[in-house]
Amino acid sequence: MSIKYVFCIGTGRNGTNYLKQILSSTEGCVAEHEPAPRCNREPMRRFLNDDPGAMKKLMPRKLAQIATSRAGAKVYVETNHAFIKGFG
């Protein structure tokens, strides 16, 4: 079975941290809530203004963080309302 990546997008203060806590108790699943690098603030502003350079610079760190956090789990879930806008 291949790894499954799930990114939960939501507004702030909508229960994504609670969702992370629930999913963390699921066997074979690693769930994170807004792990560093968050990929928001200035890199996000620049990305949204058609300057993807700062976000592209963060992506190798973000992918490394995901790989480290996953640690062999079959499902990786991230609840984060900021970074997914630029990740796509």
N, C-alpha and C. Protein backbone atom coordinates (compact mmCIF):
# COMPACT_ATOMS: atom_id res chain seq x y z
N MET A 1 0.84 -1.18 0.00
CA MET A 1 0.00 0.00 0.00
C MET A 1 0.88 1.24 0.00
N SER A 2 0.52 2.22 -0.81
CA SER A 2 1.30 3.44 -0.89
C SER A 2 0.90 4.41 0.22
N ILE A 3 1.78 5.36 0.49
CA ILE A 3 1.50 6.38 1.50
C ILE A 3 0.37 7.28 1.03
N LYS A 4 -0.46 7.67 1.94
CA LYS A 4 -1.55 8.62 1.67
C LYS A 4 -1.23 9.92 2.39
N TYR A 5 -1.37 11.01 1.68
CA TYR A 5 -1.16 12.34 2.25
C TYR A 5 -2.49 13.07 2.27
N VAL A 6 -2.85 13.58 3.43
CA VAL A 6 -4.11 14.31 3.58
C VAL A 6 -3.78 15.67 4.17
N PHE A 7 -4.24 16.72 3.50
CA PHE A 7 -4.05 18.08 4.00
C PHE A 7 -5.42 18.68 4.24
N CYS A 8 -5.70 18.95 5.49
CA CYS A 8 -6.99 19.52 5.88
C CYS A 8 -6.87 21.03 5.86
N ILE A 9 -7.67 21.66 5.03
CA ILE A 9 -7.67 23.11 4.89
C ILE A 9 -8.86 23.67 5.64
N GLY A 10 -8.62 24.67 6.44
CA GLY A 10 -9.72 25.30 7.14
C GLY A 10 -9.33 26.68 7.61
N THR A 11 -10.29 27.42 8.07
CA THR A 11 -10.00 28.72 8.64
C THR A 11 -9.43 28.53 10.04
N GLY A 12 -8.81 29.55 10.56
CA GLY A 12 -8.30 29.48 11.92
C GLY A 12 -9.43 29.31 12.93
N ARG A 13 -9.14 28.64 14.03
CA ARG A 13 -10.08 28.43 15.13
C ARG A 13 -11.31 27.62 14.73
N ASN A 14 -11.12 26.62 13.86
CA ASN A 14 -12.27 25.81 13.44
C ASN A 14 -12.19 24.36 13.89
N GLY A 15 -11.23 24.03 14.75
CA GLY A 15 -11.16 22.67 15.27
C GLY A 15 -10.12 21.78 14.60
N THR A 16 -9.23 22.34 13.82
CA THR A 16 -8.24 21.51 13.14
C THR A 16 -7.25 20.87 14.11
N ASN A 17 -6.95 21.55 15.22
CA ASN A 17 -6.06 20.94 16.21
C ASN A 17 -6.77 19.75 16.87
N TYR A 18 -8.03 19.88 17.14
CA TYR A 18 -8.81 18.77 17.69
C TYR A 18 -8.86 17.60 16.71
N LEU A 19 -9.08 17.89 15.45
CA LEU A 19 -9.07 16.85 14.42
C LEU A 19 -7.73 16.14 14.39
N LYS A 20 -6.65 16.88 14.50
CA LYS A 20 -5.30 16.29 14.56
C LYS A 20 -5.19 15.34 15.74
N GLN A 21 -5.72 15.73 16.89
CA GLN A 21 -5.65 14.87 18.07
C GLN A 21 -6.41 13.57 17.86
N ILE A 22 -7.57 13.64 17.24
CA ILE A 22 -8.36 12.44 16.96
C ILE A 22 -7.60 11.52 16.00
N LEU A 23 -7.10 12.09 14.90
CA LEU A 23 -6.43 11.28 13.89
C LEU A 23 -5.11 10.71 14.40
N SER A 24 -4.46 11.39 15.34
CA SER A 24 -3.20 10.89 15.90
C SER A 24 -3.37 9.56 16.61
N SER A 25 -4.58 9.28 17.06
CA SER A 25 -4.83 8.02 17.77
C SER A 25 -5.16 6.87 16.82
N THR A 26 -5.18 7.15 15.53
CA THR A 26 -5.48 6.13 14.53
C THR A 26 -4.22 5.36 14.17
N GLU A 27 -4.29 4.04 14.19
CA GLU A 27 -3.13 3.21 13.88
C GLU A 27 -2.66 3.47 12.45
N GLY A 28 -1.34 3.64 12.30
CA GLY A 28 -0.74 3.85 10.99
C GLY A 28 -0.85 5.26 10.47
N CYS A 29 -1.31 6.17 11.31
CA CYS A 29 -1.52 7.56 10.89
C CYS A 29 -0.68 8.49 11.75
N VAL A 30 0.00 9.40 11.09
CA VAL A 30 0.70 10.50 11.78
C VAL A 30 -0.05 11.76 11.43
N ALA A 31 -0.45 12.51 12.44
CA ALA A 31 -1.17 13.76 12.20
C ALA A 31 -0.41 14.90 12.86
N GLU A 32 -0.28 15.99 12.14
CA GLU A 32 0.41 17.19 12.62
C GLU A 32 -0.51 18.38 12.47
N HIS A 33 -0.36 19.34 13.38
CA HIS A 33 -1.12 20.59 13.28
C HIS A 33 -0.14 21.75 13.14
N GLU A 34 -0.14 22.37 11.98
CA GLU A 34 0.69 23.52 11.67
C GLU A 34 2.16 23.33 12.05
N PRO A 35 2.78 22.24 11.59
CA PRO A 35 4.20 22.06 11.91
C PRO A 35 5.08 23.04 11.13
N ALA A 36 6.23 23.33 11.68
CA ALA A 36 7.20 24.21 11.00
C ALA A 36 7.83 23.45 9.84
N PRO A 37 8.15 24.12 8.78
CA PRO A 37 7.83 25.51 8.51
C PRO A 37 6.36 25.67 8.10
N ARG A 38 5.73 26.69 8.62
CA ARG A 38 4.31 26.90 8.38
C ARG A 38 4.02 27.44 6.99
N CYS A 39 4.98 28.06 6.38
CA CYS A 39 4.84 28.60 5.01
C CYS A 39 3.76 29.66 4.93
N ASN A 40 3.77 30.56 5.87
CA ASN A 40 2.81 31.65 5.83
C ASN A 40 3.55 32.99 5.96
N ARG A 41 2.88 34.01 6.29
CA ARG A 41 3.38 35.37 6.41
C ARG A 41 4.07 35.84 5.13
N GLU A 42 5.30 36.31 5.23
CA GLU A 42 5.94 36.94 4.06
C GLU A 42 6.06 36.01 2.85
N PRO A 43 6.50 34.76 3.02
CA PRO A 43 6.53 33.88 1.84
C PRO A 43 5.15 33.72 1.18
N MET A 44 4.09 33.64 2.01
CA MET A 44 2.75 33.51 1.47
C MET A 44 2.33 34.79 0.76
N ARG A 45 2.61 35.94 1.38
CA ARG A 45 2.25 37.21 0.73
C ARG A 45 2.93 37.34 -0.62
N ARG A 46 4.21 37.00 -0.67
CA ARG A 46 4.93 37.10 -1.93
C ARG A 46 4.36 36.13 -2.97
N PHE A 47 4.05 34.92 -2.54
CA PHE A 47 3.46 33.93 -3.44
C PHE A 47 2.14 34.45 -4.03
N LEU A 48 1.30 35.00 -3.18
CA LEU A 48 0.00 35.51 -3.63
C LEU A 48 0.14 36.74 -4.52
N ASN A 49 1.31 37.39 -4.48
CA ASN A 49 1.59 38.53 -5.36
C ASN A 49 2.45 38.11 -6.55
N ASP A 50 2.33 36.86 -6.96
CA ASP A 50 3.01 36.32 -8.15
C ASP A 50 4.53 36.28 -8.04
N ASP A 51 5.03 36.10 -6.82
CA ASP A 51 6.47 35.92 -6.60
C ASP A 51 6.67 34.63 -5.82
N PRO A 52 6.79 33.49 -6.51
CA PRO A 52 6.85 32.20 -5.83
C PRO A 52 8.23 31.86 -5.23
N GLY A 53 9.22 32.72 -5.37
CA GLY A 53 10.58 32.40 -4.95
C GLY A 53 10.72 31.99 -3.50
N ALA A 54 10.15 32.76 -2.59
CA ALA A 54 10.28 32.46 -1.15
C ALA A 54 9.59 31.14 -0.81
N MET A 55 8.44 30.90 -1.42
CA MET A 55 7.72 29.66 -1.14
C MET A 55 8.48 28.47 -1.72
N LYS A 56 9.03 28.63 -2.91
CA LYS A 56 9.82 27.54 -3.50
C LYS A 56 11.04 27.22 -2.64
N LYS A 57 11.60 28.24 -2.02
CA LYS A 57 12.76 28.03 -1.14
C LYS A 57 12.37 27.23 0.11
N LEU A 58 11.15 27.41 0.59
CA LEU A 58 10.68 26.69 1.79
C LEU A 58 10.28 25.25 1.50
N MET A 59 9.88 24.95 0.28
CA MET A 59 9.34 23.63 -0.03
C MET A 59 10.27 22.46 0.29
N PRO A 60 11.57 22.53 0.01
CA PRO A 60 12.42 21.40 0.41
C PRO A 60 12.40 21.16 1.92
N ARG A 61 12.37 22.24 2.72
CA ARG A 61 12.28 22.08 4.18
C ARG A 61 10.94 21.47 4.57
N LYS A 62 9.87 21.91 3.91
CA LYS A 62 8.54 21.39 4.22
C LYS A 62 8.46 19.90 3.89
N LEU A 63 8.96 19.52 2.73
CA LEU A 63 8.93 18.11 2.33
C LEU A 63 9.79 17.25 3.26
N ALA A 64 10.93 17.79 3.69
CA ALA A 64 11.78 17.06 4.64
C ALA A 64 11.06 16.89 5.98
N GLN A 65 10.36 17.93 6.42
CA GLN A 65 9.60 17.85 7.67
C GLN A 65 8.54 16.78 7.57
N ILE A 66 7.84 16.73 6.45
CA ILE A 66 6.80 15.72 6.26
C ILE A 66 7.41 14.32 6.30
N ALA A 67 8.51 14.12 5.59
CA ALA A 67 9.16 12.80 5.56
C ALA A 67 9.62 12.38 6.95
N THR A 68 10.18 13.31 7.71
CA THR A 68 10.64 13.00 9.06
C THR A 68 9.47 12.69 9.98
N SER A 69 8.43 13.49 9.92
CA SER A 69 7.27 13.28 10.77
C SER A 69 6.58 11.96 10.46
N ARG A 70 6.51 11.64 9.19
CA ARG A 70 5.80 10.42 8.75
C ARG A 70 6.45 9.18 9.32
N ALA A 71 7.76 9.11 9.33
CA ALA A 71 8.51 8.01 9.95
C ALA A 71 7.93 6.63 9.63
N GLY A 72 7.56 6.41 8.37
CA GLY A 72 7.08 5.09 7.97
C GLY A 72 5.59 4.85 8.10
N ALA A 73 4.86 5.82 8.64
CA ALA A 73 3.41 5.65 8.76
C ALA A 73 2.78 5.60 7.36
N LYS A 74 1.65 4.91 7.26
CA LYS A 74 0.99 4.77 5.96
C LYS A 74 0.15 5.98 5.60
N VAL A 75 -0.20 6.80 6.60
CA VAL A 75 -1.01 7.99 6.34
C VAL A 75 -0.38 9.17 7.07
N TYR A 76 -0.21 10.27 6.35
CA TYR A 76 0.25 11.53 6.93
C TYR A 76 -0.87 12.53 6.76
N VAL A 77 -1.29 13.14 7.87
CA VAL A 77 -2.34 14.15 7.85
C VAL A 77 -1.76 15.44 8.42
N GLU A 78 -2.01 16.52 7.73
CA GLU A 78 -1.61 17.81 8.26
C GLU A 78 -2.82 18.73 8.26
N THR A 79 -3.11 19.29 9.43
CA THR A 79 -4.16 20.29 9.54
C THR A 79 -3.46 21.62 9.66
N ASN A 80 -3.69 22.47 8.67
CA ASN A 80 -2.95 23.72 8.60
C ASN A 80 -3.70 24.66 7.68
N HIS A 81 -4.13 25.79 8.17
CA HIS A 81 -4.89 26.71 7.34
C HIS A 81 -4.02 27.68 6.56
N ALA A 82 -2.71 27.64 6.74
CA ALA A 82 -1.85 28.63 6.10
C ALA A 82 -1.08 28.07 4.91
N PHE A 83 -0.29 27.04 5.12
CA PHE A 83 0.67 26.67 4.09
C PHE A 83 0.06 26.09 2.83
N ILE A 84 -1.09 25.46 2.92
CA ILE A 84 -1.64 24.76 1.76
C ILE A 84 -1.93 25.71 0.61
N LYS A 85 -2.22 26.98 0.89
CA LYS A 85 -2.48 27.95 -0.17
C LYS A 85 -1.28 28.08 -1.10
N GLY A 86 -0.09 28.04 -0.54
CA GLY A 86 1.11 28.17 -1.36
C GLY A 86 1.68 26.85 -1.81
N PHE A 87 1.38 25.78 -1.08
CA PHE A 87 1.93 24.48 -1.42
C PHE A 87 1.45 24.02 -2.79
N GLY A 88 0.17 24.29 -3.09
CA GLY A 88 -0.39 23.90 -4.38
C GLY A 88 0.28 24.59 -5.52
